[in-house]
Amino acid sequence: MEKLSRKDREREAKRVMIIDAALQVMKVNGFEHSTMDEIAEVAEIGKGTLYLYFKSKTSLYLAISERGSRLLNEQLGKVLLLELPGITLIEKMGFTYLNFIRENPLYFTAFNYFEHILNEGQMTNSPIIEQCENHAKEAMTYIVRALQIGMQDGSIKNSYDPKELGIIIWGASKGVMHMAFLKNHANHMKILDDVEFDLQSLITGFIELLGSGMKND
């Protein structure tokens, strides 16, 4: 790996500091109500300097999404290295995802915002968009690999296509997580009021249901 110059290291350190400040402000105010002025103030830099690093609040939020997906992948990668049956790896990945989002809910919101930007076709040819997409591909690779391990060791039914099953797991887990977050908002479907659940119970039930469906008995 090429060694960064002192100037590049200082620039990267300031960029990290700005993202830290943005996280701090957005955790309190949310994305919509946070301002670049507030972020610059917390980062203890001028607003002009802030705009040299991030042209808009959107680009800052995408940087938060990139950081979150990178940190999550680091944890998922560590799970994959464990010498365990594939079905157990999938379960552990599920709880790793749960704990990560529970401890860092702003990252989950940033992930959804990234997908919104992607769907709307905004910020095309953006390096930060490409990084986020690469992280998503990496996460899917970990899930598929765990499924393949399970099919090889006999803990997961081999009647599934691992890539297709990986997409199902990824999409379903996002949907379940979204429902858990939605219940905490004032405006949500009334059907959610008819069931008592929280993030922990909902994800635990989902992982157990998923595991029982894939498990090779």
N, C-alpha and C. Protein backbone atom coordinates (compact mmCIF):
# COMPACT_ATOMS: atom_id res chain seq x y z
N MET A 1 0.84 -1.20 0.00
CA MET A 1 0.00 0.00 0.00
C MET A 1 0.87 1.25 0.00
N GLU A 2 0.51 2.21 -0.84
CA GLU A 2 1.29 3.43 -0.95
C GLU A 2 1.15 4.27 0.32
N LYS A 3 2.29 4.74 0.82
CA LYS A 3 2.28 5.54 2.04
C LYS A 3 1.79 6.94 1.73
N LEU A 4 0.85 7.43 2.57
CA LEU A 4 0.31 8.76 2.37
C LEU A 4 1.30 9.82 2.82
N SER A 5 1.30 10.93 2.12
CA SER A 5 2.13 12.05 2.52
C SER A 5 1.55 12.68 3.78
N ARG A 6 2.32 13.52 4.41
CA ARG A 6 1.84 14.19 5.62
C ARG A 6 0.61 15.03 5.32
N LYS A 7 0.62 15.71 4.19
CA LYS A 7 -0.52 16.55 3.80
C LYS A 7 -1.78 15.71 3.63
N ASP A 8 -1.62 14.55 2.98
CA ASP A 8 -2.77 13.66 2.78
C ASP A 8 -3.28 13.10 4.10
N ARG A 9 -2.35 12.77 5.01
CA ARG A 9 -2.76 12.26 6.32
C ARG A 9 -3.54 13.32 7.10
N GLU A 10 -3.07 14.55 7.03
CA GLU A 10 -3.76 15.64 7.73
C GLU A 10 -5.13 15.88 7.13
N ARG A 11 -5.21 15.80 5.82
CA ARG A 11 -6.50 15.99 5.15
C ARG A 11 -7.48 14.89 5.53
N GLU A 12 -7.01 13.66 5.56
CA GLU A 12 -7.87 12.54 5.93
C GLU A 12 -8.31 12.65 7.39
N ALA A 13 -7.40 13.08 8.26
CA ALA A 13 -7.74 13.25 9.68
C ALA A 13 -8.85 14.30 9.84
N LYS A 14 -8.77 15.38 9.07
CA LYS A 14 -9.80 16.42 9.16
C LYS A 14 -11.12 15.91 8.59
N ARG A 15 -11.05 15.13 7.55
CA ARG A 15 -12.27 14.56 6.97
C ARG A 15 -12.97 13.65 8.00
N VAL A 16 -12.19 12.83 8.68
CA VAL A 16 -12.73 11.95 9.72
C VAL A 16 -13.36 12.78 10.83
N MET A 17 -12.70 13.86 11.22
CA MET A 17 -13.19 14.74 12.27
C MET A 17 -14.53 15.36 11.89
N ILE A 18 -14.67 15.74 10.62
CA ILE A 18 -15.91 16.34 10.15
C ILE A 18 -17.05 15.31 10.19
N ILE A 19 -16.77 14.08 9.76
CA ILE A 19 -17.79 13.04 9.81
C ILE A 19 -18.19 12.76 11.25
N ASP A 20 -17.23 12.74 12.17
CA ASP A 20 -17.53 12.57 13.59
C ASP A 20 -18.47 13.67 14.08
N ALA A 21 -18.18 14.91 13.68
CA ALA A 21 -19.01 16.05 14.08
C ALA A 21 -20.42 15.92 13.50
N ALA A 22 -20.51 15.49 12.24
CA ALA A 22 -21.83 15.32 11.60
C ALA A 22 -22.65 14.25 12.33
N LEU A 23 -22.01 13.17 12.70
CA LEU A 23 -22.69 12.12 13.46
C LEU A 23 -23.22 12.66 14.78
N GLN A 24 -22.39 13.45 15.44
CA GLN A 24 -22.78 14.02 16.73
C GLN A 24 -24.00 14.93 16.59
N VAL A 25 -24.00 15.77 15.58
CA VAL A 25 -25.10 16.70 15.36
C VAL A 25 -26.36 15.96 14.92
N MET A 26 -26.23 15.02 13.99
CA MET A 26 -27.39 14.33 13.44
C MET A 26 -28.03 13.37 14.43
N LYS A 27 -27.26 12.85 15.36
CA LYS A 27 -27.83 11.99 16.40
C LYS A 27 -28.81 12.77 17.26
N VAL A 28 -28.55 14.06 17.43
CA VAL A 28 -29.40 14.92 18.25
C VAL A 28 -30.56 15.50 17.43
N ASN A 29 -30.24 16.01 16.25
CA ASN A 29 -31.23 16.77 15.47
C ASN A 29 -31.87 15.99 14.33
N GLY A 30 -31.29 14.84 13.95
CA GLY A 30 -31.75 14.14 12.77
C GLY A 30 -31.17 14.77 11.52
N PHE A 31 -31.30 14.08 10.40
CA PHE A 31 -30.70 14.57 9.16
C PHE A 31 -31.35 15.86 8.68
N GLU A 32 -32.68 15.87 8.65
CA GLU A 32 -33.41 17.00 8.07
C GLU A 32 -33.17 18.30 8.82
N HIS A 33 -33.04 18.22 10.14
CA HIS A 33 -32.95 19.43 10.95
C HIS A 33 -31.51 19.81 11.32
N SER A 34 -30.55 19.07 10.83
CA SER A 34 -29.15 19.44 11.05
C SER A 34 -28.69 20.39 9.95
N THR A 35 -27.82 21.31 10.30
CA THR A 35 -27.34 22.28 9.32
C THR A 35 -25.82 22.19 9.20
N MET A 36 -25.33 22.64 8.07
CA MET A 36 -23.89 22.67 7.85
C MET A 36 -23.21 23.63 8.82
N ASP A 37 -23.93 24.68 9.21
CA ASP A 37 -23.38 25.63 10.19
C ASP A 37 -23.12 24.94 11.52
N GLU A 38 -24.09 24.13 11.97
CA GLU A 38 -23.94 23.41 13.24
C GLU A 38 -22.79 22.41 13.17
N ILE A 39 -22.70 21.72 12.05
CA ILE A 39 -21.63 20.73 11.89
C ILE A 39 -20.26 21.40 11.90
N ALA A 40 -20.14 22.52 11.19
CA ALA A 40 -18.88 23.27 11.18
C ALA A 40 -18.52 23.74 12.57
N GLU A 41 -19.53 24.16 13.34
CA GLU A 41 -19.27 24.66 14.70
C GLU A 41 -18.76 23.55 15.60
N VAL A 42 -19.40 22.37 15.53
CA VAL A 42 -18.97 21.23 16.35
C VAL A 42 -17.59 20.76 15.93
N ALA A 43 -17.31 20.80 14.62
CA ALA A 43 -16.00 20.38 14.12
C ALA A 43 -14.92 21.43 14.37
N GLU A 44 -15.37 22.61 14.80
CA GLU A 44 -14.46 23.73 15.08
C GLU A 44 -13.65 24.14 13.85
N ILE A 45 -14.39 24.26 12.75
CA ILE A 45 -13.79 24.73 11.50
C ILE A 45 -14.73 25.76 10.88
N GLY A 46 -14.22 26.53 9.94
CA GLY A 46 -15.06 27.48 9.24
C GLY A 46 -15.97 26.77 8.26
N LYS A 47 -17.09 27.41 7.95
CA LYS A 47 -18.04 26.80 7.02
C LYS A 47 -17.41 26.63 5.64
N GLY A 48 -16.55 27.57 5.24
CA GLY A 48 -15.87 27.45 3.96
C GLY A 48 -14.99 26.22 3.90
N THR A 49 -14.30 25.94 5.02
CA THR A 49 -13.46 24.74 5.08
C THR A 49 -14.30 23.48 4.98
N LEU A 50 -15.45 23.50 5.65
CA LEU A 50 -16.36 22.34 5.59
C LEU A 50 -16.75 22.03 4.16
N TYR A 51 -17.07 23.08 3.39
CA TYR A 51 -17.51 22.88 2.01
C TYR A 51 -16.36 22.46 1.09
N LEU A 52 -15.13 22.65 1.52
CA LEU A 52 -13.99 22.14 0.74
C LEU A 52 -13.95 20.61 0.79
N TYR A 53 -14.44 20.06 1.90
CA TYR A 53 -14.43 18.60 2.08
C TYR A 53 -15.74 17.95 1.64
N PHE A 54 -16.85 18.63 1.92
CA PHE A 54 -18.16 18.08 1.58
C PHE A 54 -19.01 19.20 0.97
N LYS A 55 -19.43 19.00 -0.25
CA LYS A 55 -20.15 20.03 -0.99
C LYS A 55 -21.57 20.24 -0.50
N SER A 56 -22.11 19.26 0.21
CA SER A 56 -23.50 19.35 0.67
C SER A 56 -23.71 18.42 1.86
N LYS A 57 -24.84 18.60 2.50
CA LYS A 57 -25.21 17.72 3.61
C LYS A 57 -25.45 16.29 3.09
N THR A 58 -25.92 16.19 1.87
CA THR A 58 -26.13 14.88 1.25
C THR A 58 -24.83 14.11 1.13
N SER A 59 -23.78 14.77 0.66
CA SER A 59 -22.49 14.10 0.53
C SER A 59 -21.94 13.68 1.89
N LEU A 60 -22.23 14.48 2.92
CA LEU A 60 -21.80 14.12 4.27
C LEU A 60 -22.55 12.89 4.76
N TYR A 61 -23.85 12.83 4.48
CA TYR A 61 -24.66 11.70 4.92
C TYR A 61 -24.24 10.42 4.20
N LEU A 62 -23.86 10.56 2.94
CA LEU A 62 -23.35 9.39 2.21
C LEU A 62 -22.03 8.92 2.79
N ALA A 63 -21.20 9.86 3.26
CA ALA A 63 -19.94 9.50 3.92
C ALA A 63 -20.22 8.73 5.21
N ILE A 64 -21.29 9.09 5.91
CA ILE A 64 -21.69 8.37 7.11
C ILE A 64 -22.14 6.95 6.74
N SER A 65 -22.89 6.83 5.64
CA SER A 65 -23.32 5.52 5.16
C SER A 65 -22.12 4.66 4.80
N GLU A 66 -21.14 5.26 4.13
CA GLU A 66 -19.93 4.52 3.75
C GLU A 66 -19.19 4.02 4.97
N ARG A 67 -19.06 4.89 5.98
CA ARG A 67 -18.36 4.47 7.20
C ARG A 67 -19.13 3.35 7.89
N GLY A 68 -20.44 3.51 8.01
CA GLY A 68 -21.24 2.50 8.69
C GLY A 68 -21.18 1.15 8.01
N SER A 69 -21.30 1.13 6.69
CA SER A 69 -21.26 -0.14 5.97
C SER A 69 -19.87 -0.78 6.05
N ARG A 70 -18.84 0.05 6.08
CA ARG A 70 -17.47 -0.48 6.22
C ARG A 70 -17.27 -1.11 7.60
N LEU A 71 -17.73 -0.44 8.65
CA LEU A 71 -17.60 -0.96 10.01
C LEU A 71 -18.43 -2.24 10.19
N LEU A 72 -19.63 -2.26 9.61
CA LEU A 72 -20.47 -3.46 9.70
C LEU A 72 -19.80 -4.63 9.00
N ASN A 73 -19.23 -4.40 7.84
CA ASN A 73 -18.57 -5.46 7.10
C ASN A 73 -17.37 -6.03 7.87
N GLU A 74 -16.67 -5.17 8.59
CA GLU A 74 -15.55 -5.65 9.41
C GLU A 74 -16.03 -6.65 10.44
N GLN A 75 -17.19 -6.38 11.03
CA GLN A 75 -17.73 -7.30 12.03
C GLN A 75 -18.26 -8.59 11.38
N LEU A 76 -18.92 -8.46 10.24
CA LEU A 76 -19.42 -9.65 9.53
C LEU A 76 -18.26 -10.53 9.06
N GLY A 77 -17.18 -9.88 8.62
CA GLY A 77 -16.00 -10.63 8.17
C GLY A 77 -15.39 -11.45 9.28
N LYS A 78 -15.40 -10.91 10.49
CA LYS A 78 -14.85 -11.65 11.65
C LYS A 78 -15.71 -12.86 11.97
N VAL A 79 -17.02 -12.73 11.80
CA VAL A 79 -17.91 -13.87 12.03
C VAL A 79 -17.60 -14.99 11.04
N LEU A 80 -17.39 -14.63 9.79
CA LEU A 80 -17.15 -15.62 8.74
C LEU A 80 -15.87 -16.43 8.99
N LEU A 81 -14.93 -15.86 9.72
CA LEU A 81 -13.67 -16.54 10.01
C LEU A 81 -13.81 -17.61 11.09
N LEU A 82 -14.93 -17.59 11.82
CA LEU A 82 -15.13 -18.57 12.89
C LEU A 82 -15.36 -19.96 12.29
N GLU A 83 -14.78 -20.96 12.91
CA GLU A 83 -14.95 -22.33 12.42
C GLU A 83 -16.22 -22.92 13.03
N LEU A 84 -17.34 -22.58 12.41
CA LEU A 84 -18.65 -23.00 12.89
C LEU A 84 -19.48 -23.51 11.72
N PRO A 85 -20.52 -24.28 12.00
CA PRO A 85 -21.42 -24.70 10.91
C PRO A 85 -22.03 -23.49 10.22
N GLY A 86 -22.32 -23.62 8.95
CA GLY A 86 -22.85 -22.50 8.18
C GLY A 86 -24.12 -21.91 8.76
N ILE A 87 -25.03 -22.78 9.26
CA ILE A 87 -26.28 -22.28 9.83
C ILE A 87 -26.01 -21.40 11.04
N THR A 88 -24.98 -21.74 11.81
CA THR A 88 -24.62 -20.95 12.99
C THR A 88 -23.99 -19.63 12.56
N LEU A 89 -23.20 -19.66 11.48
CA LEU A 89 -22.60 -18.43 10.96
C LEU A 89 -23.69 -17.44 10.53
N ILE A 90 -24.71 -17.96 9.85
CA ILE A 90 -25.81 -17.09 9.41
C ILE A 90 -26.52 -16.47 10.61
N GLU A 91 -26.76 -17.28 11.64
CA GLU A 91 -27.42 -16.76 12.84
C GLU A 91 -26.57 -15.69 13.51
N LYS A 92 -25.27 -15.94 13.60
CA LYS A 92 -24.38 -14.97 14.23
C LYS A 92 -24.29 -13.69 13.41
N MET A 93 -24.30 -13.82 12.10
CA MET A 93 -24.31 -12.62 11.25
C MET A 93 -25.58 -11.82 11.48
N GLY A 94 -26.69 -12.51 11.65
CA GLY A 94 -27.96 -11.83 11.90
C GLY A 94 -27.92 -11.03 13.19
N PHE A 95 -27.41 -11.64 14.25
CA PHE A 95 -27.34 -10.93 15.53
C PHE A 95 -26.26 -9.85 15.52
N THR A 96 -25.22 -10.05 14.73
CA THR A 96 -24.21 -9.00 14.57
C THR A 96 -24.82 -7.77 13.93
N TYR A 97 -25.62 -8.00 12.90
CA TYR A 97 -26.34 -6.91 12.22
C TYR A 97 -27.29 -6.22 13.18
N LEU A 98 -28.05 -7.02 13.95
CA LEU A 98 -28.99 -6.48 14.93
C LEU A 98 -28.29 -5.58 15.93
N ASN A 99 -27.23 -6.09 16.53
CA ASN A 99 -26.53 -5.32 17.56
C ASN A 99 -25.89 -4.06 16.99
N PHE A 100 -25.37 -4.16 15.77
CA PHE A 100 -24.75 -3.00 15.15
C PHE A 100 -25.77 -1.89 14.93
N ILE A 101 -26.93 -2.24 14.40
CA ILE A 101 -27.96 -1.24 14.12
C ILE A 101 -28.55 -0.69 15.42
N ARG A 102 -28.70 -1.56 16.41
CA ARG A 102 -29.26 -1.11 17.69
C ARG A 102 -28.33 -0.09 18.35
N GLU A 103 -27.03 -0.32 18.23
CA GLU A 103 -26.06 0.59 18.83
C GLU A 103 -25.80 1.82 17.96
N ASN A 104 -26.08 1.71 16.66
CA ASN A 104 -25.82 2.81 15.73
C ASN A 104 -27.01 3.04 14.80
N PRO A 105 -28.16 3.45 15.34
CA PRO A 105 -29.36 3.59 14.49
C PRO A 105 -29.21 4.60 13.36
N LEU A 106 -28.35 5.60 13.54
CA LEU A 106 -28.17 6.59 12.49
C LEU A 106 -27.56 5.97 11.24
N TYR A 107 -26.74 4.94 11.42
CA TYR A 107 -26.17 4.26 10.25
C TYR A 107 -27.26 3.59 9.42
N PHE A 108 -28.24 3.00 10.09
CA PHE A 108 -29.33 2.34 9.36
C PHE A 108 -30.10 3.35 8.54
N THR A 109 -30.37 4.52 9.12
CA THR A 109 -31.04 5.59 8.39
C THR A 109 -30.20 6.05 7.21
N ALA A 110 -28.89 6.13 7.42
CA ALA A 110 -27.98 6.53 6.34
C ALA A 110 -27.96 5.50 5.22
N PHE A 111 -28.02 4.20 5.58
CA PHE A 111 -28.07 3.15 4.57
C PHE A 111 -29.30 3.33 3.67
N ASN A 112 -30.44 3.61 4.31
CA ASN A 112 -31.68 3.79 3.55
C ASN A 112 -31.60 5.04 2.67
N TYR A 113 -30.95 6.08 3.19
CA TYR A 113 -30.81 7.31 2.42
C TYR A 113 -29.94 7.07 1.19
N PHE A 114 -28.88 6.28 1.37
CA PHE A 114 -28.02 5.93 0.23
C PHE A 114 -28.81 5.22 -0.85
N GLU A 115 -29.66 4.28 -0.46
CA GLU A 115 -30.46 3.55 -1.44
C GLU A 115 -31.45 4.48 -2.14
N HIS A 116 -31.98 5.45 -1.39
CA HIS A 116 -32.89 6.44 -1.98
C HIS A 116 -32.16 7.26 -3.05
N ILE A 117 -30.96 7.72 -2.71
CA ILE A 117 -30.15 8.49 -3.66
C ILE A 117 -29.86 7.66 -4.91
N LEU A 118 -29.56 6.38 -4.69
CA LEU A 118 -29.25 5.48 -5.79
C LEU A 118 -30.47 5.28 -6.69
N ASN A 119 -31.62 5.07 -6.08
CA ASN A 119 -32.85 4.83 -6.84
C ASN A 119 -33.28 6.06 -7.63
N GLU A 120 -32.99 7.23 -7.08
CA GLU A 120 -33.37 8.47 -7.75
C GLU A 120 -32.39 8.86 -8.85
N GLY A 121 -31.28 8.14 -8.93
CA GLY A 121 -30.28 8.43 -9.95
C GLY A 121 -29.50 9.70 -9.69
N GLN A 122 -29.44 10.10 -8.42
CA GLN A 122 -28.70 11.31 -8.06
C GLN A 122 -27.23 10.97 -7.84
N MET A 123 -26.38 11.97 -7.99
CA MET A 123 -24.94 11.85 -7.72
C MET A 123 -24.31 10.69 -8.47
N THR A 124 -24.61 10.57 -9.74
CA THR A 124 -24.01 9.51 -10.56
C THR A 124 -22.51 9.76 -10.71
N ASN A 125 -21.78 8.68 -10.90
CA ASN A 125 -20.32 8.74 -11.05
C ASN A 125 -19.65 9.36 -9.83
N SER A 126 -20.24 9.14 -8.66
CA SER A 126 -19.67 9.65 -7.42
C SER A 126 -18.81 8.58 -6.76
N PRO A 127 -17.58 8.90 -6.37
CA PRO A 127 -16.72 7.90 -5.70
C PRO A 127 -17.33 7.35 -4.42
N ILE A 128 -18.03 8.20 -3.65
CA ILE A 128 -18.62 7.74 -2.40
C ILE A 128 -19.76 6.77 -2.66
N ILE A 129 -20.52 6.99 -3.74
CA ILE A 129 -21.58 6.05 -4.13
C ILE A 129 -20.97 4.71 -4.50
N GLU A 130 -19.88 4.75 -5.24
CA GLU A 130 -19.20 3.52 -5.65
C GLU A 130 -18.68 2.76 -4.44
N GLN A 131 -18.13 3.47 -3.46
CA GLN A 131 -17.64 2.83 -2.24
C GLN A 131 -18.78 2.15 -1.49
N CYS A 132 -19.92 2.83 -1.38
CA CYS A 132 -21.07 2.25 -0.69
C CYS A 132 -21.56 1.00 -1.41
N GLU A 133 -21.59 1.05 -2.72
CA GLU A 133 -22.03 -0.11 -3.49
C GLU A 133 -21.06 -1.28 -3.32
N ASN A 134 -19.77 -0.99 -3.29
CA ASN A 134 -18.77 -2.04 -3.08
C ASN A 134 -18.93 -2.69 -1.71
N HIS A 135 -19.25 -1.88 -0.70
CA HIS A 135 -19.47 -2.43 0.64
C HIS A 135 -20.69 -3.35 0.65
N ALA A 136 -21.74 -2.96 -0.07
CA ALA A 136 -22.94 -3.78 -0.15
C ALA A 136 -22.63 -5.12 -0.81
N LYS A 137 -21.84 -5.09 -1.87
CA LYS A 137 -21.44 -6.33 -2.55
C LYS A 137 -20.61 -7.21 -1.62
N GLU A 138 -19.74 -6.58 -0.85
CA GLU A 138 -18.89 -7.34 0.08
C GLU A 138 -19.74 -8.03 1.14
N ALA A 139 -20.73 -7.30 1.68
CA ALA A 139 -21.61 -7.89 2.69
C ALA A 139 -22.37 -9.08 2.12
N MET A 140 -22.85 -8.94 0.88
CA MET A 140 -23.57 -10.03 0.25
C MET A 140 -22.64 -11.23 0.03
N THR A 141 -21.39 -10.97 -0.29
CA THR A 141 -20.41 -12.05 -0.47
C THR A 141 -20.25 -12.85 0.82
N TYR A 142 -20.22 -12.15 1.97
CA TYR A 142 -20.10 -12.83 3.27
C TYR A 142 -21.32 -13.72 3.53
N ILE A 143 -22.51 -13.20 3.24
CA ILE A 143 -23.73 -13.98 3.47
C ILE A 143 -23.75 -15.22 2.59
N VAL A 144 -23.45 -15.03 1.32
CA VAL A 144 -23.46 -16.16 0.37
C VAL A 144 -22.42 -17.20 0.77
N ARG A 145 -21.25 -16.74 1.19
CA ARG A 145 -20.19 -17.68 1.58
C ARG A 145 -20.62 -18.51 2.79
N ALA A 146 -21.27 -17.88 3.76
CA ALA A 146 -21.75 -18.60 4.94
C ALA A 146 -22.79 -19.65 4.53
N LEU A 147 -23.65 -19.27 3.59
CA LEU A 147 -24.65 -20.23 3.10
C LEU A 147 -23.98 -21.40 2.39
N GLN A 148 -22.97 -21.11 1.59
CA GLN A 148 -22.25 -22.17 0.88
C GLN A 148 -21.56 -23.11 1.87
N ILE A 149 -20.98 -22.55 2.92
CA ILE A 149 -20.35 -23.38 3.95
C ILE A 149 -21.39 -24.30 4.58
N GLY A 150 -22.58 -23.74 4.87
CA GLY A 150 -23.64 -24.55 5.46
C GLY A 150 -24.13 -25.66 4.55
N MET A 151 -24.18 -25.38 3.26
CA MET A 151 -24.61 -26.41 2.31
C MET A 151 -23.55 -27.50 2.15
N GLN A 152 -22.29 -27.09 2.31
CA GLN A 152 -21.20 -28.06 2.22
C GLN A 152 -21.10 -28.92 3.47
N ASP A 153 -21.34 -28.32 4.65
CA ASP A 153 -21.20 -29.11 5.88
C ASP A 153 -22.51 -29.80 6.27
N GLY A 154 -23.57 -29.55 5.50
CA GLY A 154 -24.83 -30.25 5.74
C GLY A 154 -25.76 -29.58 6.72
N SER A 155 -25.41 -28.39 7.24
CA SER A 155 -26.27 -27.73 8.22
C SER A 155 -27.38 -26.91 7.55
N ILE A 156 -27.22 -26.62 6.24
CA ILE A 156 -28.23 -25.87 5.49
C ILE A 156 -28.65 -26.70 4.28
N LYS A 157 -29.94 -26.71 3.99
CA LYS A 157 -30.44 -27.46 2.84
C LYS A 157 -29.75 -27.00 1.56
N ASN A 158 -29.35 -27.95 0.75
CA ASN A 158 -28.64 -27.61 -0.48
C ASN A 158 -29.59 -27.48 -1.68
N SER A 159 -30.88 -27.40 -1.39
CA SER A 159 -31.85 -27.26 -2.48
C SER A 159 -32.01 -25.80 -2.91
N TYR A 160 -31.36 -24.88 -2.15
CA TYR A 160 -31.44 -23.46 -2.46
C TYR A 160 -30.27 -23.03 -3.34
N ASP A 161 -30.49 -21.97 -4.11
CA ASP A 161 -29.39 -21.27 -4.75
C ASP A 161 -28.85 -20.28 -3.72
N PRO A 162 -27.58 -20.42 -3.31
CA PRO A 162 -27.06 -19.57 -2.23
C PRO A 162 -27.15 -18.07 -2.53
N LYS A 163 -26.96 -17.69 -3.79
CA LYS A 163 -27.03 -16.27 -4.12
C LYS A 163 -28.47 -15.75 -4.02
N GLU A 164 -29.41 -16.56 -4.51
CA GLU A 164 -30.81 -16.16 -4.42
C GLU A 164 -31.26 -16.10 -2.96
N LEU A 165 -30.84 -17.10 -2.17
CA LEU A 165 -31.19 -17.12 -0.76
C LEU A 165 -30.55 -15.93 -0.03
N GLY A 166 -29.35 -15.55 -0.45
CA GLY A 166 -28.68 -14.39 0.15
C GLY A 166 -29.47 -13.12 -0.07
N ILE A 167 -30.02 -12.97 -1.29
CA ILE A 167 -30.85 -11.79 -1.59
C ILE A 167 -32.11 -11.78 -0.74
N ILE A 168 -32.71 -12.96 -0.55
CA ILE A 168 -33.92 -13.06 0.28
C ILE A 168 -33.60 -12.64 1.71
N ILE A 169 -32.50 -13.14 2.25
CA ILE A 169 -32.10 -12.81 3.62
C ILE A 169 -31.84 -11.32 3.75
N TRP A 170 -31.10 -10.78 2.80
CA TRP A 170 -30.75 -9.35 2.84
C TRP A 170 -32.01 -8.48 2.77
N GLY A 171 -32.89 -8.78 1.81
CA GLY A 171 -34.09 -7.97 1.65
C GLY A 171 -35.04 -8.10 2.82
N ALA A 172 -35.23 -9.32 3.30
CA ALA A 172 -36.17 -9.55 4.41
C ALA A 172 -35.67 -8.91 5.70
N SER A 173 -34.37 -9.00 5.95
CA SER A 173 -33.82 -8.42 7.18
C SER A 173 -33.97 -6.90 7.18
N LYS A 174 -33.80 -6.28 6.02
CA LYS A 174 -33.99 -4.83 5.92
C LYS A 174 -35.45 -4.47 6.19
N GLY A 175 -36.36 -5.26 5.65
CA GLY A 175 -37.78 -5.00 5.86
C GLY A 175 -38.18 -5.13 7.31
N VAL A 176 -37.70 -6.17 7.96
CA VAL A 176 -38.01 -6.38 9.38
C VAL A 176 -37.43 -5.26 10.23
N MET A 177 -36.20 -4.87 9.92
CA MET A 177 -35.56 -3.79 10.66
C MET A 177 -36.33 -2.48 10.45
N HIS A 178 -36.80 -2.26 9.24
CA HIS A 178 -37.56 -1.05 8.94
C HIS A 178 -38.85 -1.01 9.76
N MET A 179 -39.53 -2.14 9.89
CA MET A 179 -40.76 -2.20 10.68
C MET A 179 -40.49 -1.86 12.14
N ALA A 180 -39.39 -2.38 12.66
CA ALA A 180 -39.04 -2.11 14.05
C ALA A 180 -38.79 -0.63 14.28
N PHE A 181 -38.10 0.02 13.33
CA PHE A 181 -37.83 1.45 13.45
C PHE A 181 -39.11 2.26 13.25
N LEU A 182 -39.97 1.79 12.34
CA LEU A 182 -41.18 2.52 12.02
C LEU A 182 -42.12 2.62 13.22
N LYS A 183 -42.15 1.59 14.04
CA LYS A 183 -43.04 1.56 15.20
C LYS A 183 -42.74 2.71 16.17
N ASN A 184 -41.49 3.17 16.18
CA ASN A 184 -41.08 4.23 17.10
C ASN A 184 -41.39 5.62 16.57
N HIS A 185 -41.91 5.71 15.34
CA HIS A 185 -42.26 6.99 14.76
C HIS A 185 -43.75 7.30 15.00
N ALA A 186 -44.05 8.57 15.08
CA ALA A 186 -45.43 8.97 15.35
C ALA A 186 -46.36 8.53 14.22
N ASN A 187 -45.90 8.67 12.98
CA ASN A 187 -46.72 8.32 11.82
C ASN A 187 -46.35 6.93 11.33
N HIS A 188 -47.18 5.95 11.66
CA HIS A 188 -46.95 4.59 11.17
C HIS A 188 -48.29 3.89 11.03
N MET A 189 -48.25 2.76 10.32
CA MET A 189 -49.48 2.00 10.10
C MET A 189 -50.05 1.50 11.43
N LYS A 190 -51.37 1.63 11.59
CA LYS A 190 -52.01 1.26 12.85
C LYS A 190 -51.87 -0.22 13.17
N ILE A 191 -51.62 -1.03 12.14
CA ILE A 191 -51.46 -2.47 12.37
C ILE A 191 -50.30 -2.75 13.32
N LEU A 192 -49.32 -1.86 13.34
CA LEU A 192 -48.17 -2.05 14.21
C LEU A 192 -48.53 -1.85 15.68
N ASP A 193 -49.64 -1.17 15.94
CA ASP A 193 -50.07 -0.96 17.32
C ASP A 193 -50.74 -2.20 17.91
N ASP A 194 -51.12 -3.13 17.03
CA ASP A 194 -51.83 -4.32 17.49
C ASP A 194 -50.89 -5.42 17.98
N VAL A 195 -49.58 -5.22 17.79
CA VAL A 195 -48.60 -6.24 18.18
C VAL A 195 -47.53 -5.59 19.06
N GLU A 196 -47.26 -6.22 20.19
CA GLU A 196 -46.21 -5.73 21.07
C GLU A 196 -44.88 -6.35 20.65
N PHE A 197 -43.96 -5.53 20.21
CA PHE A 197 -42.64 -6.03 19.84
C PHE A 197 -41.63 -4.90 19.94
N ASP A 198 -40.37 -5.28 20.02
CA ASP A 198 -39.29 -4.31 19.95
C ASP A 198 -38.25 -4.84 18.98
N LEU A 199 -37.19 -4.08 18.80
CA LEU A 199 -36.17 -4.46 17.82
C LEU A 199 -35.58 -5.83 18.13
N GLN A 200 -35.27 -6.07 19.40
CA GLN A 200 -34.65 -7.33 19.81
C GLN A 200 -35.58 -8.52 19.53
N SER A 201 -36.82 -8.42 19.97
CA SER A 201 -37.74 -9.55 19.82
C SER A 201 -38.07 -9.82 18.34
N LEU A 202 -38.20 -8.74 17.57
CA LEU A 202 -38.56 -8.90 16.16
C LEU A 202 -37.43 -9.58 15.38
N ILE A 203 -36.21 -9.11 15.59
CA ILE A 203 -35.09 -9.69 14.85
C ILE A 203 -34.79 -11.11 15.33
N THR A 204 -34.91 -11.34 16.65
CA THR A 204 -34.68 -12.68 17.17
C THR A 204 -35.67 -13.66 16.55
N GLY A 205 -36.94 -13.27 16.50
CA GLY A 205 -37.95 -14.13 15.89
C GLY A 205 -37.68 -14.36 14.42
N PHE A 206 -37.24 -13.31 13.72
CA PHE A 206 -36.93 -13.44 12.29
C PHE A 206 -35.77 -14.41 12.07
N ILE A 207 -34.72 -14.28 12.86
CA ILE A 207 -33.54 -15.15 12.70
C ILE A 207 -33.89 -16.60 13.01
N GLU A 208 -34.69 -16.81 14.05
CA GLU A 208 -35.09 -18.18 14.40
C GLU A 208 -35.96 -18.79 13.30
N LEU A 209 -36.88 -17.99 12.76
CA LEU A 209 -37.75 -18.46 11.67
C LEU A 209 -36.94 -18.78 10.44
N LEU A 210 -36.01 -17.89 10.10
CA LEU A 210 -35.15 -18.07 8.94
C LEU A 210 -34.30 -19.33 9.10
N GLY A 211 -33.73 -19.49 10.30
CA GLY A 211 -32.87 -20.64 10.56
C GLY A 211 -33.63 -21.95 10.46
N SER A 212 -34.85 -21.99 10.96
CA SER A 212 -35.63 -23.22 10.92
C SER A 212 -36.02 -23.59 9.50
N GLY A 213 -36.19 -22.58 8.64
CA GLY A 213 -36.54 -22.84 7.25
C GLY A 213 -35.37 -23.37 6.44
N MET A 214 -34.15 -22.89 6.77
CA MET A 214 -32.96 -23.30 6.02
C MET A 214 -32.32 -24.56 6.57
N LYS A 215 -32.56 -24.83 7.84
CA LYS A 215 -31.82 -25.90 8.53
C LYS A 215 -32.09 -27.26 7.89
N ASN A 216 -31.03 -28.01 7.72
CA ASN A 216 -31.12 -29.34 7.14
C ASN A 216 -31.32 -30.34 8.28
N ASP A 217 -32.56 -30.81 8.42
CA ASP A 217 -32.88 -31.73 9.51
C ASP A 217 -32.54 -33.18 9.17
